[in-house]
Amino acid sequence: MSNVIEGSFLEIDSKNFLCQEPTMKCPSMCTCYRNIDLAGMLVDCRNRSLNYFPKNIELPSEMIELTVSLEHNHVVNLPLCGQFGYNWLENVTHLNLQHNELTPEPGKMKQFLQCMSKISYLYLANNNIKHLPQYIQNVNLQAMSITGNKLSCCNDYWMKTWLQVGLKQGTILDSSTVQCADKGNVNEFL
């Protein structure tokens, strides 16, 4: 997501060719880029000490993909779907929330995922997430990252099968490194 484009101009795929978009209404703490073919947009909010999701992202009508990068911030809560200023969530295809302080309530995470009907890439590694809703199995993700969270495996044992399938399909990038905050080992008490 660097604004320096490497390689020969002829070798650059249009989906990877990003130009800063100064005419667009971009959240004040972020920088917005558009694909040269106008099919996608990147809202870059990395490393901005944010503790909230940006509001009122203005999208071009012809836009197909929306990538939002909020990694390395202090975001704790997920916004509610339909909440004023967050209509843009329904257009998100790529969302990077790695290295934040997310501690969503179980019901909010499910509602958040349901709101993002176009999501394909979701990166949640290194947060404070304790529970993933079982609904996450129904989300059509091409890639996901969840390692480095404090997952409660005793309450969510269904995740083991889901992680095994994700490892086999290559969709959950860090399946083999996901650890439980609670060991769930009954032998410790015998």
C-alpha atoms as a PDB file:
ATOM      1  CA  MET A   1       0.000   0.000   0.000  1.00  0.00           C
ATOM      2  CA  SER A   2       2.946   2.242  -0.527  1.00  0.00           C
ATOM      3  CA  ASN A   3       2.423   5.079  -2.963  1.00  0.00           C
ATOM      4  CA  VAL A   4       5.696   4.142  -4.684  1.00  0.00           C
ATOM      5  CA  ILE A   5       4.983   1.911  -7.654  1.00  0.00           C
ATOM      6  CA  GLU A   6       7.705  -0.603  -8.405  1.00  0.00           C
ATOM      7  CA  GLY A   7       8.404  -2.262 -11.737  1.00  0.00           C
ATOM      8  CA  SER A   8       7.915  -1.334 -15.338  1.00  0.00           C
ATOM      9  CA  PHE A   9       4.862   0.772 -16.135  1.00  0.00           C
ATOM     10  CA  LEU A  10       3.776  -1.874 -18.646  1.00  0.00           C
ATOM     11  CA  GLU A  11       3.883  -4.590 -15.968  1.00  0.00           C
ATOM     12  CA  ILE A  12       1.623  -2.806 -13.483  1.00  0.00           C
ATOM     13  CA  ASP A  13      -1.883  -4.250 -13.266  1.00  0.00           C
ATOM     14  CA  SER A  14      -4.570  -1.536 -13.176  1.00  0.00           C
ATOM     15  CA  LYS A  15      -6.003  -2.909  -9.910  1.00  0.00           C
ATOM     16  CA  ASN A  16      -2.624  -2.271  -8.245  1.00  0.00           C
ATOM     17  CA  PHE A  17      -2.157   1.201  -9.700  1.00  0.00           C
ATOM     18  CA  LEU A  18      -3.288   3.616  -6.990  1.00  0.00           C
ATOM     19  CA  CYS A  19      -3.432   7.395  -7.256  1.00  0.00           C
ATOM     20  CA  GLN A  20      -4.126   9.774  -4.404  1.00  0.00           C
ATOM     21  CA  GLU A  21      -7.635  11.189  -4.675  1.00  0.00           C
ATOM     22  CA  PRO A  22      -7.579  14.809  -3.413  1.00  0.00           C
ATOM     23  CA  THR A  23     -11.042  15.711  -4.757  1.00  0.00           C
ATOM     24  CA  MET A  24     -12.808  13.031  -2.761  1.00  0.00           C
ATOM     25  CA  LYS A  25     -14.286  13.523   0.693  1.00  0.00           C
ATOM     26  CA  CYS A  26     -11.818  11.468   2.701  1.00  0.00           C
ATOM     27  CA  PRO A  27     -11.835  11.136   6.513  1.00  0.00           C
ATOM     28  CA  SER A  28      -9.490  13.771   7.929  1.00  0.00           C
ATOM     29  CA  MET A  29      -7.096  11.294   9.554  1.00  0.00           C
ATOM     30  CA  CYS A  30      -6.823   9.108   6.446  1.00  0.00           C
ATOM     31  CA  THR A  31      -5.517   9.275   2.894  1.00  0.00           C
ATOM     32  CA  CYS A  32      -7.689   8.076   0.021  1.00  0.00           C
ATOM     33  CA  TYR A  33      -6.460   6.479  -3.184  1.00  0.00           C
ATOM     34  CA  ARG A  34      -8.380   5.274  -6.199  1.00  0.00           C
ATOM     35  CA  ASN A  35      -7.516   2.643  -8.758  1.00  0.00           C
ATOM     36  CA  ILE A  36      -6.583   4.157 -12.089  1.00  0.00           C
ATOM     37  CA  ASP A  37      -9.511   2.315 -13.713  1.00  0.00           C
ATOM     38  CA  LEU A  38     -11.882   3.725 -11.036  1.00  0.00           C
ATOM     39  CA  ALA A  39     -12.924   0.199 -10.031  1.00  0.00           C
ATOM     40  CA  GLY A  40     -11.608   0.438  -6.491  1.00  0.00           C
ATOM     41  CA  MET A  41     -10.612   2.709  -3.682  1.00  0.00           C
ATOM     42  CA  LEU A  42      -8.220   2.460  -0.741  1.00  0.00           C
ATOM     43  CA  VAL A  43      -8.834   4.370   2.476  1.00  0.00           C
ATOM     44  CA  ASP A  44      -5.495   4.287   4.280  1.00  0.00           C
ATOM     45  CA  CYS A  45      -5.825   5.019   7.999  1.00  0.00           C
ATOM     46  CA  ARG A  46      -2.776   3.048   9.187  1.00  0.00           C
ATOM     47  CA  ASN A  47      -0.703   4.251  12.139  1.00  0.00           C
ATOM     48  CA  ARG A  48      -2.886   7.278  12.915  1.00  0.00           C
ATOM     49  CA  SER A  49      -3.557   6.614  16.636  1.00  0.00           C
ATOM     50  CA  LEU A  50      -7.253   6.245  15.847  1.00  0.00           C
ATOM     51  CA  ASN A  51      -9.566   4.732  18.445  1.00  0.00           C
ATOM     52  CA  TYR A  52     -12.616   4.683  16.151  1.00  0.00           C
ATOM     53  CA  PHE A  53     -13.693   3.753  12.635  1.00  0.00           C
ATOM     54  CA  PRO A  54     -13.742   6.671  10.188  1.00  0.00           C
ATOM     55  CA  LYS A  55     -17.187   8.020   9.311  1.00  0.00           C
ATOM     56  CA  ASN A  56     -18.742   9.250   6.086  1.00  0.00           C
ATOM     57  CA  ILE A  57     -16.427   7.747   3.496  1.00  0.00           C
ATOM     58  CA  GLU A  58     -17.679   9.100   0.186  1.00  0.00           C
ATOM     59  CA  LEU A  59     -17.650   6.489  -2.555  1.00  0.00           C
ATOM     60  CA  PRO A  60     -17.667   7.044  -6.310  1.00  0.00           C
ATOM     61  CA  SER A  61     -20.796   5.471  -7.824  1.00  0.00           C
ATOM     62  CA  GLU A  62     -18.786   3.315 -10.239  1.00  0.00           C
ATOM     63  CA  MET A  63     -16.602   1.832  -7.498  1.00  0.00           C
ATOM     64  CA  ILE A  64     -16.502  -1.966  -7.262  1.00  0.00           C
ATOM     65  CA  GLU A  65     -13.974  -2.574  -4.450  1.00  0.00           C
ATOM     66  CA  LEU A  66     -13.346  -0.710  -1.203  1.00  0.00           C
ATOM     67  CA  THR A  67     -10.241  -1.459   0.824  1.00  0.00           C
ATOM     68  CA  VAL A  68      -9.964   0.037   4.288  1.00  0.00           C
ATOM     69  CA  SER A  69      -6.734  -0.247   6.248  1.00  0.00           C
ATOM     70  CA  LEU A  70      -6.963   0.591   9.947  1.00  0.00           C
ATOM     71  CA  GLU A  71      -3.985  -1.449  11.111  1.00  0.00           C
ATOM     72  CA  HIS A  72      -1.731  -0.290  13.956  1.00  0.00           C
ATOM     73  CA  ASN A  73      -4.260   1.931  15.715  1.00  0.00           C
ATOM     74  CA  HIS A  74      -6.202   1.777  18.991  1.00  0.00           C
ATOM     75  CA  VAL A  75      -9.643   0.789  17.699  1.00  0.00           C
ATOM     76  CA  VAL A  76     -11.640  -1.013  20.409  1.00  0.00           C
ATOM     77  CA  ASN A  77     -15.246  -1.153  19.158  1.00  0.00           C
ATOM     78  CA  LEU A  78     -16.895  -2.104  15.900  1.00  0.00           C
ATOM     79  CA  PRO A  79     -19.482   0.317  14.517  1.00  0.00           C
ATOM     80  CA  LEU A  80     -23.099  -0.755  14.271  1.00  0.00           C
ATOM     81  CA  CYS A  81     -24.536  -1.431  10.841  1.00  0.00           C
ATOM     82  CA  GLY A  82     -26.873   1.293   9.756  1.00  0.00           C
ATOM     83  CA  GLN A  83     -25.394   3.663  12.309  1.00  0.00           C
ATOM     84  CA  PHE A  84     -25.135   7.206  10.945  1.00  0.00           C
ATOM     85  CA  GLY A  85     -21.931   7.643   8.932  1.00  0.00           C
ATOM     86  CA  TYR A  86     -21.185   3.954   8.412  1.00  0.00           C
ATOM     87  CA  ASN A  87     -23.155   3.133   5.259  1.00  0.00           C
ATOM     88  CA  TRP A  88     -19.832   2.595   3.494  1.00  0.00           C
ATOM     89  CA  LEU A  89     -19.333  -0.697   5.401  1.00  0.00           C
ATOM     90  CA  GLU A  90     -21.614  -2.528   2.962  1.00  0.00           C
ATOM     91  CA  ASN A  91     -19.092  -1.825   0.156  1.00  0.00           C
ATOM     92  CA  VAL A  92     -15.973  -3.077   1.946  1.00  0.00           C
ATOM     93  CA  THR A  93     -14.201  -5.925   0.149  1.00  0.00           C
ATOM     94  CA  HIS A  94     -10.874  -5.764   2.057  1.00  0.00           C
ATOM     95  CA  LEU A  95     -10.598  -4.780   5.728  1.00  0.00           C
ATOM     96  CA  ASN A  96      -7.370  -4.734   7.699  1.00  0.00           C
ATOM     97  CA  LEU A  97      -7.832  -4.294  11.447  1.00  0.00           C
ATOM     98  CA  GLN A  98      -4.599  -5.971  12.558  1.00  0.00           C
ATOM     99  CA  HIS A  99      -2.763  -4.627  15.594  1.00  0.00           C
ATOM    100  CA  ASN A 100      -5.625  -2.779  17.262  1.00  0.00           C
ATOM    101  CA  GLU A 101      -7.392  -3.307  20.586  1.00  0.00           C
ATOM    102  CA  LEU A 102     -10.645  -4.815  19.309  1.00  0.00           C
ATOM    103  CA  THR A 103     -12.755  -6.328  22.069  1.00  0.00           C
ATOM    104  CA  PRO A 104     -16.163  -6.680  20.418  1.00  0.00           C
ATOM    105  CA  GLU A 105     -19.161  -8.074  22.197  1.00  0.00           C
ATOM    106  CA  PRO A 106     -20.206 -11.420  20.627  1.00  0.00           C
ATOM    107  CA  GLY A 107     -23.434 -10.092  19.082  1.00  0.00           C
ATOM    108  CA  LYS A 108     -21.738  -7.011  17.612  1.00  0.00           C
ATOM    109  CA  MET A 109     -19.184  -9.068  15.688  1.00  0.00           C
ATOM    110  CA  LYS A 110     -21.946 -11.084  13.993  1.00  0.00           C
ATOM    111  CA  GLN A 111     -23.898  -7.940  13.122  1.00  0.00           C
ATOM    112  CA  PHE A 112     -20.728  -6.304  11.796  1.00  0.00           C
ATOM    113  CA  LEU A 113     -19.988  -9.279   9.530  1.00  0.00           C
ATOM    114  CA  GLN A 114     -23.578  -9.412   8.281  1.00  0.00           C
ATOM    115  CA  CYS A 115     -23.358  -5.747   7.331  1.00  0.00           C
ATOM    116  CA  MET A 116     -20.318  -6.296   5.116  1.00  0.00           C
ATOM    117  CA  SER A 117     -21.940  -8.399   2.411  1.00  0.00           C
ATOM    118  CA  LYS A 118     -19.033  -7.881  -0.040  1.00  0.00           C
ATOM    119  CA  ILE A 119     -16.164  -8.698   2.350  1.00  0.00           C
ATOM    120  CA  SER A 120     -13.581 -11.100   0.877  1.00  0.00           C
ATOM    121  CA  TYR A 121     -10.428 -10.293   2.864  1.00  0.00           C
ATOM    122  CA  LEU A 122     -10.554  -9.765   6.638  1.00  0.00           C
ATOM    123  CA  TYR A 123      -7.471  -9.339   8.801  1.00  0.00           C
ATOM    124  CA  LEU A 124      -8.122  -9.362  12.566  1.00  0.00           C
ATOM    125  CA  ALA A 125      -4.748 -10.603  13.881  1.00  0.00           C
ATOM    126  CA  ASN A 126      -3.280  -9.218  17.092  1.00  0.00           C
ATOM    127  CA  ASN A 127      -6.316  -7.753  18.825  1.00  0.00           C
ATOM    128  CA  ASN A 128      -8.190  -8.654  22.024  1.00  0.00           C
ATOM    129  CA  ILE A 129     -10.926 -10.723  20.392  1.00  0.00           C
ATOM    130  CA  LYS A 130     -12.233 -13.426  22.725  1.00  0.00           C
ATOM    131  CA  HIS A 131     -15.094 -14.855  20.668  1.00  0.00           C
ATOM    132  CA  LEU A 132     -15.842 -15.200  16.990  1.00  0.00           C
ATOM    133  CA  PRO A 133     -19.483 -15.719  16.080  1.00  0.00           C
ATOM    134  CA  GLN A 134     -20.264 -19.091  14.559  1.00  0.00           C
ATOM    135  CA  TYR A 135     -21.790 -17.058  11.721  1.00  0.00           C
ATOM    136  CA  ILE A 136     -18.251 -16.355  10.465  1.00  0.00           C
ATOM    137  CA  GLN A 137     -18.328 -19.811   8.853  1.00  0.00           C
ATOM    138  CA  ASN A 138     -21.006 -18.472   6.474  1.00  0.00           C
ATOM    139  CA  VAL A 139     -18.934 -15.503   5.299  1.00  0.00           C
ATOM    140  CA  ASN A 140     -17.401 -16.124   1.875  1.00  0.00           C
ATOM    141  CA  LEU A 141     -13.819 -15.110   2.672  1.00  0.00           C
ATOM    142  CA  GLN A 142     -10.890 -15.624   0.341  1.00  0.00           C
ATOM    143  CA  ALA A 143      -8.393 -14.785   3.100  1.00  0.00           C
ATOM    144  CA  MET A 144      -8.518 -14.147   6.834  1.00  0.00           C
ATOM    145  CA  SER A 145      -6.051 -13.728   9.666  1.00  0.00           C
ATOM    146  CA  ILE A 146      -6.964 -14.125  13.363  1.00  0.00           C
ATOM    147  CA  THR A 147      -3.805 -15.191  15.209  1.00  0.00           C
ATOM    148  CA  GLY A 148      -2.666 -13.227  18.250  1.00  0.00           C
ATOM    149  CA  ASN A 149      -6.121 -12.917  19.820  1.00  0.00           C
ATOM    150  CA  LYS A 150      -7.295 -14.167  23.204  1.00  0.00           C
ATOM    151  CA  LEU A 151      -9.813 -16.657  21.855  1.00  0.00           C
ATOM    152  CA  SER A 152     -11.916 -18.643  24.284  1.00  0.00           C
ATOM    153  CA  CYS A 153     -11.841 -22.088  22.735  1.00  0.00           C
ATOM    154  CA  CYS A 154     -13.884 -23.791  25.454  1.00  0.00           C
ATOM    155  CA  ASN A 155     -16.903 -21.707  24.523  1.00  0.00           C
ATOM    156  CA  ASP A 156     -16.256 -21.909  20.784  1.00  0.00           C
ATOM    157  CA  TYR A 157     -15.064 -25.468  20.133  1.00  0.00           C
ATOM    158  CA  TRP A 158     -16.676 -25.346  16.653  1.00  0.00           C
ATOM    159  CA  MET A 159     -13.668 -23.211  15.627  1.00  0.00           C
ATOM    160  CA  LYS A 160     -11.374 -26.243  15.531  1.00  0.00           C
ATOM    161  CA  THR A 161     -13.204 -27.755  12.541  1.00  0.00           C
ATOM    162  CA  TRP A 162     -13.525 -24.326  10.918  1.00  0.00           C
ATOM    163  CA  LEU A 163      -9.776 -23.681  11.309  1.00  0.00           C
ATOM    164  CA  GLN A 164      -8.932 -27.124   9.902  1.00  0.00           C
ATOM    165  CA  VAL A 165     -11.084 -26.457   6.833  1.00  0.00           C
ATOM    166  CA  GLY A 166      -9.560 -22.976   6.496  1.00  0.00           C
ATOM    167  CA  LEU A 167      -6.046 -24.448   6.659  1.00  0.00           C
ATOM    168  CA  LYS A 168      -6.879 -27.021   3.997  1.00  0.00           C
ATOM    169  CA  GLN A 169      -8.487 -24.420   1.699  1.00  0.00           C
ATOM    170  CA  GLY A 170      -5.829 -21.784   2.418  1.00  0.00           C
ATOM    171  CA  THR A 171      -8.421 -19.196   3.418  1.00  0.00           C
ATOM    172  CA  ILE A 172      -7.426 -18.757   7.055  1.00  0.00           C
ATOM    173  CA  LEU A 173      -3.828 -17.723   6.627  1.00  0.00           C
ATOM    174  CA  ASP A 174      -2.718 -18.436  10.179  1.00  0.00           C
ATOM    175  CA  SER A 175      -4.906 -21.420  11.156  1.00  0.00           C
ATOM    176  CA  SER A 176      -2.008 -23.422  12.519  1.00  0.00           C
ATOM    177  CA  THR A 177      -0.837 -20.607  14.832  1.00  0.00           C
ATOM    178  CA  VAL A 178      -4.186 -19.729  16.434  1.00  0.00           C
ATOM    179  CA  GLN A 179      -4.007 -20.379  20.165  1.00  0.00           C
ATOM    180  CA  CYS A 180      -6.554 -20.583  22.944  1.00  0.00           C
ATOM    181  CA  ALA A 181      -6.555 -18.257  25.940  1.00  0.00           C
ATOM    182  CA  ASP A 182      -8.177 -21.100  27.893  1.00  0.00           C
ATOM    183  CA  LYS A 183      -6.471 -24.439  27.391  1.00  0.00           C
ATOM    184  CA  GLY A 184      -9.601 -26.528  27.832  1.00  0.00           C
ATOM    185  CA  ASN A 185      -7.494 -29.278  29.354  1.00  0.00           C
ATOM    186  CA  VAL A 186      -9.553 -31.290  31.848  1.00  0.00           C
ATOM    187  CA  ASN A 187      -6.462 -33.323  32.854  1.00  0.00           C
ATOM    188  CA  GLU A 188      -5.127 -30.298  34.771  1.00  0.00           C
ATOM    189  CA  PHE A 189      -7.931 -30.780  37.291  1.00  0.00           C
ATOM    190  CA  LEU A 190      -7.669 -34.598  37.696  1.00  0.00           C
END
